[in-house]
Amino acid sequence: MSATHQPVTTTVSISGMTCGHCVSSVTEELSSLAGVTGVSIELNKGGISEATVTSSLTLSPAEIGEAVAEAGYLVVANEA
């Protein structure tokens, strides 16, 4: 039997999202990544929105960034 893997949760900040269509586009792109089991986006119109991605595999920042860029938006660095 294979070992049970705990889900991996990754949260990223995204700029440029302003509406429900933006959320749908980003959700669709992130959901298409290998291992992704869920995407939740907190829309902040005109500001920095937050996407939480749940997956069975660890996703690299580059993979997430490319998926968000494919939808037409930009992942921004979290403020420390």
PDB file of N, CA and C in Angstrom:
ATOM      1  N   MET A   1       0.837  -1.199   0.000  1.00  0.00           N
ATOM      2  CA  MET A   1       0.000   0.000   0.000  1.00  0.00           C
ATOM      3  C   MET A   1       0.868   1.245   0.000  1.00  0.00           C
ATOM      4  N   SER A   2       0.378   2.262  -0.654  1.00  0.00           N
ATOM      5  CA  SER A   2       1.147   3.501  -0.682  1.00  0.00           C
ATOM      6  C   SER A   2       0.840   4.327   0.564  1.00  0.00           C
ATOM      7  N   ALA A   3       1.788   5.142   0.928  1.00  0.00           N
ATOM      8  CA  ALA A   3       1.625   5.999   2.105  1.00  0.00           C
ATOM      9  C   ALA A   3       0.591   7.080   1.816  1.00  0.00           C
ATOM     10  N   THR A   4      -0.134   7.464   2.833  1.00  0.00           N
ATOM     11  CA  THR A   4      -1.111   8.536   2.679  1.00  0.00           C
ATOM     12  C   THR A   4      -0.387   9.877   2.781  1.00  0.00           C
ATOM     13  N   HIS A   5      -0.612  10.688   1.785  1.00  0.00           N
ATOM     14  CA  HIS A   5       0.027  12.007   1.771  1.00  0.00           C
ATOM     15  C   HIS A   5      -0.952  13.048   2.292  1.00  0.00           C
ATOM     16  N   GLN A   6      -0.453  13.906   3.148  1.00  0.00           N
ATOM     17  CA  GLN A   6      -1.282  15.010   3.631  1.00  0.00           C
ATOM     18  C   GLN A   6      -1.423  16.037   2.510  1.00  0.00           C
ATOM     19  N   PRO A   7      -2.578  16.661   2.385  1.00  0.00           N
ATOM     20  CA  PRO A   7      -2.728  17.706   1.376  1.00  0.00           C
ATOM     21  C   PRO A   7      -1.758  18.859   1.658  1.00  0.00           C
ATOM     22  N   VAL A   8      -1.287  19.465   0.603  1.00  0.00           N
ATOM     23  CA  VAL A   8      -0.389  20.613   0.715  1.00  0.00           C
ATOM     24  C   VAL A   8      -1.209  21.860   0.392  1.00  0.00           C
ATOM     25  N   THR A   9      -1.140  22.863   1.271  1.00  0.00           N
ATOM     26  CA  THR A   9      -1.859  24.110   1.033  1.00  0.00           C
ATOM     27  C   THR A   9      -0.856  25.214   0.744  1.00  0.00           C
ATOM     28  N   THR A  10      -1.059  25.903  -0.376  1.00  0.00           N
ATOM     29  CA  THR A  10      -0.182  26.996  -0.787  1.00  0.00           C
ATOM     30  C   THR A  10      -1.035  28.239  -0.951  1.00  0.00           C
ATOM     31  N   THR A  11      -0.601  29.349  -0.375  1.00  0.00           N
ATOM     32  CA  THR A  11      -1.340  30.602  -0.501  1.00  0.00           C
ATOM     33  C   THR A  11      -0.473  31.607  -1.250  1.00  0.00           C
ATOM     34  N   VAL A  12      -1.072  32.256  -2.253  1.00  0.00           N
ATOM     35  CA  VAL A  12      -0.350  33.262  -3.041  1.00  0.00           C
ATOM     36  C   VAL A  12      -1.186  34.525  -3.156  1.00  0.00           C
ATOM     37  N   SER A  13      -0.500  35.646  -3.305  1.00  0.00           N
ATOM     38  CA  SER A  13      -1.158  36.932  -3.515  1.00  0.00           C
ATOM     39  C   SER A  13      -1.137  37.242  -5.007  1.00  0.00           C
ATOM     40  N   ILE A  14      -2.274  37.731  -5.504  1.00  0.00           N
ATOM     41  CA  ILE A  14      -2.417  37.993  -6.935  1.00  0.00           C
ATOM     42  C   ILE A  14      -2.926  39.419  -7.133  1.00  0.00           C
ATOM     43  N   SER A  15      -2.269  40.151  -8.030  1.00  0.00           N
ATOM     44  CA  SER A  15      -2.725  41.513  -8.312  1.00  0.00           C
ATOM     45  C   SER A  15      -3.494  41.555  -9.624  1.00  0.00           C
ATOM     46  N   GLY A  16      -4.388  42.533  -9.749  1.00  0.00           N
ATOM     47  CA  GLY A  16      -5.100  42.787 -10.995  1.00  0.00           C
ATOM     48  C   GLY A  16      -6.481  42.182 -11.113  1.00  0.00           C
ATOM     49  N   MET A  17      -6.906  41.398 -10.125  1.00  0.00           N
ATOM     50  CA  MET A  17      -8.224  40.778 -10.207  1.00  0.00           C
ATOM     51  C   MET A  17      -9.293  41.759  -9.725  1.00  0.00           C
ATOM     52  N   THR A  18     -10.385  41.888 -10.514  1.00  0.00           N
ATOM     53  CA  THR A  18     -11.401  42.872 -10.161  1.00  0.00           C
ATOM     54  C   THR A  18     -12.827  42.335 -10.119  1.00  0.00           C
ATOM     55  N   CYS A  19     -13.053  41.082 -10.568  1.00  0.00           N
ATOM     56  CA  CYS A  19     -14.437  40.607 -10.658  1.00  0.00           C
ATOM     57  C   CYS A  19     -14.518  39.091 -10.588  1.00  0.00           C
ATOM     58  N   GLY A  20     -15.736  38.602 -10.614  1.00  0.00           N
ATOM     59  CA  GLY A  20     -15.972  37.171 -10.569  1.00  0.00           C
ATOM     60  C   GLY A  20     -15.362  36.430 -11.749  1.00  0.00           C
ATOM     61  N   HIS A  21     -15.332  37.076 -12.924  1.00  0.00           N
ATOM     62  CA  HIS A  21     -14.723  36.436 -14.094  1.00  0.00           C
ATOM     63  C   HIS A  21     -13.230  36.222 -13.865  1.00  0.00           C
ATOM     64  N   CYS A  22     -12.584  37.192 -13.215  1.00  0.00           N
ATOM     65  CA  CYS A  22     -11.161  37.060 -12.884  1.00  0.00           C
ATOM     66  C   CYS A  22     -10.958  35.827 -12.004  1.00  0.00           C
ATOM     67  N   VAL A  23     -11.799  35.689 -10.994  1.00  0.00           N
ATOM     68  CA  VAL A  23     -11.719  34.557 -10.074  1.00  0.00           C
ATOM     69  C   VAL A  23     -11.894  33.256 -10.846  1.00  0.00           C
ATOM     70  N   SER A  24     -12.868  33.207 -11.753  1.00  0.00           N
ATOM     71  CA  SER A  24     -13.116  31.998 -12.541  1.00  0.00           C
ATOM     72  C   SER A  24     -11.912  31.638 -13.395  1.00  0.00           C
ATOM     73  N   SER A  25     -11.309  32.630 -14.045  1.00  0.00           N
ATOM     74  CA  SER A  25     -10.155  32.395 -14.920  1.00  0.00           C
ATOM     75  C   SER A  25      -8.972  31.836 -14.139  1.00  0.00           C
ATOM     76  N   VAL A  26      -8.659  32.460 -13.009  1.00  0.00           N
ATOM     77  CA  VAL A  26      -7.524  32.020 -12.202  1.00  0.00           C
ATOM     78  C   VAL A  26      -7.811  30.643 -11.600  1.00  0.00           C
ATOM     79  N   THR A  27      -9.037  30.440 -11.120  1.00  0.00           N
ATOM     80  CA  THR A  27      -9.410  29.143 -10.548  1.00  0.00           C
ATOM     81  C   THR A  27      -9.249  28.034 -11.583  1.00  0.00           C
ATOM     82  N   GLU A  28      -9.697  28.297 -12.808  1.00  0.00           N
ATOM     83  CA  GLU A  28      -9.601  27.296 -13.871  1.00  0.00           C
ATOM     84  C   GLU A  28      -8.139  26.943 -14.163  1.00  0.00           C
ATOM     85  N   GLU A  29      -7.278  27.950 -14.271  1.00  0.00           N
ATOM     86  CA  GLU A  29      -5.866  27.694 -14.567  1.00  0.00           C
ATOM     87  C   GLU A  29      -5.179  26.946 -13.421  1.00  0.00           C
ATOM     88  N   LEU A  30      -5.422  27.382 -12.185  1.00  0.00           N
ATOM     89  CA  LEU A  30      -4.790  26.715 -11.041  1.00  0.00           C
ATOM     90  C   LEU A  30      -5.308  25.286 -10.886  1.00  0.00           C
ATOM     91  N   SER A  31      -6.581  25.077 -11.161  1.00  0.00           N
ATOM     92  CA  SER A  31      -7.178  23.748 -11.033  1.00  0.00           C
ATOM     93  C   SER A  31      -6.596  22.760 -12.039  1.00  0.00           C
ATOM     94  N   SER A  32      -6.047  23.283 -13.141  1.00  0.00           N
ATOM     95  CA  SER A  32      -5.501  22.404 -14.180  1.00  0.00           C
ATOM     96  C   SER A  32      -4.100  21.892 -13.838  1.00  0.00           C
ATOM     97  N   LEU A  33      -3.481  22.425 -12.786  1.00  0.00           N
ATOM     98  CA  LEU A  33      -2.149  21.957 -12.384  1.00  0.00           C
ATOM     99  C   LEU A  33      -2.243  20.549 -11.805  1.00  0.00           C
ATOM    100  N   ALA A  34      -1.207  19.750 -12.024  1.00  0.00           N
ATOM    101  CA  ALA A  34      -1.178  18.374 -11.540  1.00  0.00           C
ATOM    102  C   ALA A  34      -1.304  18.326 -10.022  1.00  0.00           C
ATOM    103  N   GLY A  35      -2.216  17.492  -9.534  1.00  0.00           N
ATOM    104  CA  GLY A  35      -2.360  17.280  -8.104  1.00  0.00           C
ATOM    105  C   GLY A  35      -3.279  18.241  -7.381  1.00  0.00           C
ATOM    106  N   VAL A  36      -3.733  19.296  -8.056  1.00  0.00           N
ATOM    107  CA  VAL A  36      -4.584  20.285  -7.384  1.00  0.00           C
ATOM    108  C   VAL A  36      -5.965  19.690  -7.118  1.00  0.00           C
ATOM    109  N   THR A  37      -6.391  19.799  -5.853  1.00  0.00           N
ATOM    110  CA  THR A  37      -7.692  19.256  -5.459  1.00  0.00           C
ATOM    111  C   THR A  37      -8.692  20.349  -5.083  1.00  0.00           C
ATOM    112  N   GLY A  38      -8.215  21.578  -4.916  1.00  0.00           N
ATOM    113  CA  GLY A  38      -9.122  22.664  -4.571  1.00  0.00           C
ATOM    114  C   GLY A  38      -8.460  24.021  -4.709  1.00  0.00           C
ATOM    115  N   VAL A  39      -9.254  25.015  -5.082  1.00  0.00           N
ATOM    116  CA  VAL A  39      -8.773  26.391  -5.196  1.00  0.00           C
ATOM    117  C   VAL A  39      -9.810  27.300  -4.553  1.00  0.00           C
ATOM    118  N   SER A  40      -9.356  28.180  -3.673  1.00  0.00           N
ATOM    119  CA  SER A  40     -10.240  29.141  -3.032  1.00  0.00           C
ATOM    120  C   SER A  40      -9.614  30.518  -3.202  1.00  0.00           C
ATOM    121  N   ILE A  41     -10.396  31.472  -3.697  1.00  0.00           N
ATOM    122  CA  ILE A  41      -9.861  32.812  -3.929  1.00  0.00           C
ATOM    123  C   ILE A  41     -10.680  33.840  -3.168  1.00  0.00           C
ATOM    124  N   GLU A  42      -9.964  34.684  -2.425  1.00  0.00           N
ATOM    125  CA  GLU A  42     -10.588  35.801  -1.724  1.00  0.00           C
ATOM    126  C   GLU A  42     -10.317  37.044  -2.563  1.00  0.00           C
ATOM    127  N   LEU A  43     -11.349  37.516  -3.259  1.00  0.00           N
ATOM    128  CA  LEU A  43     -11.219  38.654  -4.173  1.00  0.00           C
ATOM    129  C   LEU A  43     -11.158  39.967  -3.411  1.00  0.00           C
ATOM    130  N   ASN A  44     -10.159  40.782  -3.733  1.00  0.00           N
ATOM    131  CA  ASN A  44     -10.021  42.126  -3.190  1.00  0.00           C
ATOM    132  C   ASN A  44      -9.966  43.053  -4.404  1.00  0.00           C
ATOM    133  N   LYS A  45     -11.135  43.532  -4.832  1.00  0.00           N
ATOM    134  CA  LYS A  45     -11.237  44.318  -6.062  1.00  0.00           C
ATOM    135  C   LYS A  45     -10.277  45.492  -6.071  1.00  0.00           C
ATOM    136  N   GLY A  46      -9.432  45.525  -7.098  1.00  0.00           N
ATOM    137  CA  GLY A  46      -8.497  46.630  -7.256  1.00  0.00           C
ATOM    138  C   GLY A  46      -7.288  46.550  -6.345  1.00  0.00           C
ATOM    139  N   GLY A  47      -7.236  45.523  -5.513  1.00  0.00           N
ATOM    140  CA  GLY A  47      -6.110  45.372  -4.598  1.00  0.00           C
ATOM    141  C   GLY A  47      -5.422  44.037  -4.809  1.00  0.00           C
ATOM    142  N   ILE A  48      -4.916  43.483  -3.743  1.00  0.00           N
ATOM    143  CA  ILE A  48      -4.235  42.199  -3.810  1.00  0.00           C
ATOM    144  C   ILE A  48      -5.199  41.113  -3.333  1.00  0.00           C
ATOM    145  N   SER A  49      -5.524  40.193  -4.225  1.00  0.00           N
ATOM    146  CA  SER A  49      -6.401  39.069  -3.887  1.00  0.00           C
ATOM    147  C   SER A  49      -5.542  37.919  -3.399  1.00  0.00           C
ATOM    148  N   GLU A  50      -6.155  37.011  -2.668  1.00  0.00           N
ATOM    149  CA  GLU A  50      -5.416  35.884  -2.118  1.00  0.00           C
ATOM    150  C   GLU A  50      -6.016  34.573  -2.611  1.00  0.00           C
ATOM    151  N   ALA A  51      -5.150  33.724  -3.171  1.00  0.00           N
ATOM    152  CA  ALA A  51      -5.583  32.410  -3.642  1.00  0.00           C
ATOM    153  C   ALA A  51      -4.972  31.337  -2.753  1.00  0.00           C
ATOM    154  N   THR A  52      -5.802  30.399  -2.320  1.00  0.00           N
ATOM    155  CA  THR A  52      -5.328  29.262  -1.544  1.00  0.00           C
ATOM    156  C   THR A  52      -5.541  28.019  -2.392  1.00  0.00           C
ATOM    157  N   VAL A  53      -4.437  27.319  -2.655  1.00  0.00           N
ATOM    158  CA  VAL A  53      -4.474  26.136  -3.511  1.00  0.00           C
ATOM    159  C   VAL A  53      -4.188  24.905  -2.648  1.00  0.00           C
ATOM    160  N   THR A  54      -5.066  23.925  -2.705  1.00  0.00           N
ATOM    161  CA  THR A  54      -4.864  22.664  -1.993  1.00  0.00           C
ATOM    162  C   THR A  54      -4.506  21.606  -3.033  1.00  0.00           C
ATOM    163  N   SER A  55      -3.433  20.857  -2.754  1.00  0.00           N
ATOM    164  CA  SER A  55      -2.990  19.858  -3.727  1.00  0.00           C
ATOM    165  C   SER A  55      -2.408  18.643  -3.020  1.00  0.00           C
ATOM    166  N   SER A  56      -2.329  17.561  -3.779  1.00  0.00           N
ATOM    167  CA  SER A  56      -1.741  16.337  -3.241  1.00  0.00           C
ATOM    168  C   SER A  56      -0.228  16.325  -3.461  1.00  0.00           C
ATOM    169  N   LEU A  57       0.260  17.254  -4.274  1.00  0.00           N
ATOM    170  CA  LEU A  57       1.687  17.385  -4.568  1.00  0.00           C
ATOM    171  C   LEU A  57       2.142  18.783  -4.176  1.00  0.00           C
ATOM    172  N   THR A  58       3.432  18.933  -3.894  1.00  0.00           N
ATOM    173  CA  THR A  58       3.967  20.262  -3.618  1.00  0.00           C
ATOM    174  C   THR A  58       4.122  20.994  -4.945  1.00  0.00           C
ATOM    175  N   LEU A  59       3.554  22.189  -5.031  1.00  0.00           N
ATOM    176  CA  LEU A  59       3.634  22.985  -6.257  1.00  0.00           C
ATOM    177  C   LEU A  59       4.753  24.012  -6.123  1.00  0.00           C
ATOM    178  N   SER A  60       5.510  24.201  -7.188  1.00  0.00           N
ATOM    179  CA  SER A  60       6.574  25.203  -7.141  1.00  0.00           C
ATOM    180  C   SER A  60       5.971  26.583  -7.372  1.00  0.00           C
ATOM    181  N   PRO A  61       6.620  27.629  -6.839  1.00  0.00           N
ATOM    182  CA  PRO A  61       6.143  28.992  -7.101  1.00  0.00           C
ATOM    183  C   PRO A  61       6.069  29.284  -8.597  1.00  0.00           C
ATOM    184  N   ALA A  62       7.005  28.712  -9.371  1.00  0.00           N
ATOM    185  CA  ALA A  62       6.997  28.935 -10.824  1.00  0.00           C
ATOM    186  C   ALA A  62       5.744  28.343 -11.467  1.00  0.00           C
ATOM    187  N   GLU A  63       5.358  27.143 -11.050  1.00  0.00           N
ATOM    188  CA  GLU A  63       4.150  26.511 -11.605  1.00  0.00           C
ATOM    189  C   GLU A  63       2.920  27.361 -11.333  1.00  0.00           C
ATOM    190  N   ILE A  64       2.805  27.816 -10.094  1.00  0.00           N
ATOM    191  CA  ILE A  64       1.653  28.637  -9.718  1.00  0.00           C
ATOM    192  C   ILE A  64       1.688  29.962 -10.475  1.00  0.00           C
ATOM    193  N   GLY A  65       2.863  30.584 -10.530  1.00  0.00           N
ATOM    194  CA  GLY A  65       3.011  31.856 -11.239  1.00  0.00           C
ATOM    195  C   GLY A  65       2.642  31.751 -12.700  1.00  0.00           C
ATOM    196  N   GLU A  66       3.067  30.661 -13.348  1.00  0.00           N
ATOM    197  CA  GLU A  66       2.751  30.470 -14.766  1.00  0.00           C
ATOM    198  C   GLU A  66       1.254  30.283 -14.980  1.00  0.00           C
ATOM    199  N   ALA A  67       0.604  29.540 -14.090  1.00  0.00           N
ATOM    200  CA  ALA A  67      -0.839  29.323 -14.219  1.00  0.00           C
ATOM    201  C   ALA A  67      -1.603  30.636 -14.053  1.00  0.00           C
ATOM    202  N   VAL A  68      -1.189  31.441 -13.074  1.00  0.00           N
ATOM    203  CA  VAL A  68      -1.844  32.735 -12.839  1.00  0.00           C
ATOM    204  C   VAL A  68      -1.595  33.662 -14.030  1.00  0.00           C
ATOM    205  N   ALA A  69      -0.357  33.650 -14.557  1.00  0.00           N
ATOM    206  CA  ALA A  69      -0.024  34.485 -15.721  1.00  0.00           C
ATOM    207  C   ALA A  69      -0.835  34.058 -16.943  1.00  0.00           C
ATOM    208  N   GLU A  70      -1.069  32.761 -17.085  1.00  0.00           N
ATOM    209  CA  GLU A  70      -1.860  32.238 -18.201  1.00  0.00           C
ATOM    210  C   GLU A  70      -3.270  32.823 -18.170  1.00  0.00           C
ATOM    211  N   ALA A  71      -3.771  33.085 -16.960  1.00  0.00           N
ATOM    212  CA  ALA A  71      -5.096  33.691 -16.803  1.00  0.00           C
ATOM    213  C   ALA A  71      -5.045  35.211 -16.974  1.00  0.00           C
ATOM    214  N   GLY A  72      -3.824  35.768 -17.060  1.00  0.00           N
ATOM    215  CA  GLY A  72      -3.680  37.206 -17.307  1.00  0.00           C
ATOM    216  C   GLY A  72      -3.411  38.045 -16.070  1.00  0.00           C
ATOM    217  N   TYR A  73      -2.972  37.409 -14.985  1.00  0.00           N
ATOM    218  CA  TYR A  73      -2.733  38.126 -13.744  1.00  0.00           C
ATOM    219  C   TYR A  73      -1.315  37.860 -13.239  1.00  0.00           C
ATOM    220  N   LEU A  74      -0.948  38.494 -12.146  1.00  0.00           N
ATOM    221  CA  LEU A  74       0.417  38.425 -11.671  1.00  0.00           C
ATOM    222  C   LEU A  74       0.450  38.054 -10.187  1.00  0.00           C
ATOM    223  N   VAL A  75       1.286  37.045  -9.870  1.00  0.00           N
ATOM    224  CA  VAL A  75       1.521  36.700  -8.470  1.00  0.00           C
ATOM    225  C   VAL A  75       2.499  37.734  -7.929  1.00  0.00           C
ATOM    226  N   VAL A  76       2.184  38.293  -6.771  1.00  0.00           N
ATOM    227  CA  VAL A  76       3.072  39.293  -6.146  1.00  0.00           C
ATOM    228  C   VAL A  76       3.639  38.731  -4.854  1.00  0.00           C
ATOM    229  N   ALA A  77       4.791  39.210  -4.484  1.00  0.00           N
ATOM    230  CA  ALA A  77       5.437  38.756  -3.252  1.00  0.00           C
ATOM    231  C   ALA A  77       4.616  39.164  -2.048  1.00  0.00           C
ATOM    232  N   ASN A  78       4.525  38.266  -1.096  1.00  0.00           N
ATOM    233  CA  ASN A  78       3.819  38.605   0.152  1.00  0.00           C
ATOM    234  C   ASN A  78       4.673  39.594   0.936  1.00  0.00           C
ATOM    235  N   GLU A  79       4.006  40.563   1.511  1.00  0.00           N
ATOM    236  CA  GLU A  79       4.718  41.543   2.342  1.00  0.00           C
ATOM    237  C   GLU A  79       5.134  40.860   3.634  1.00  0.00           C
ATOM    238  N   ALA A  80       6.395  40.996   3.973  1.00  0.00           N
ATOM    239  CA  ALA A  80       6.890  40.340   5.203  1.00  0.00           C
ATOM    240  C   ALA A  80       6.600  41.198   6.413  1.00  0.00           C
TER     241      ALA A  80
END
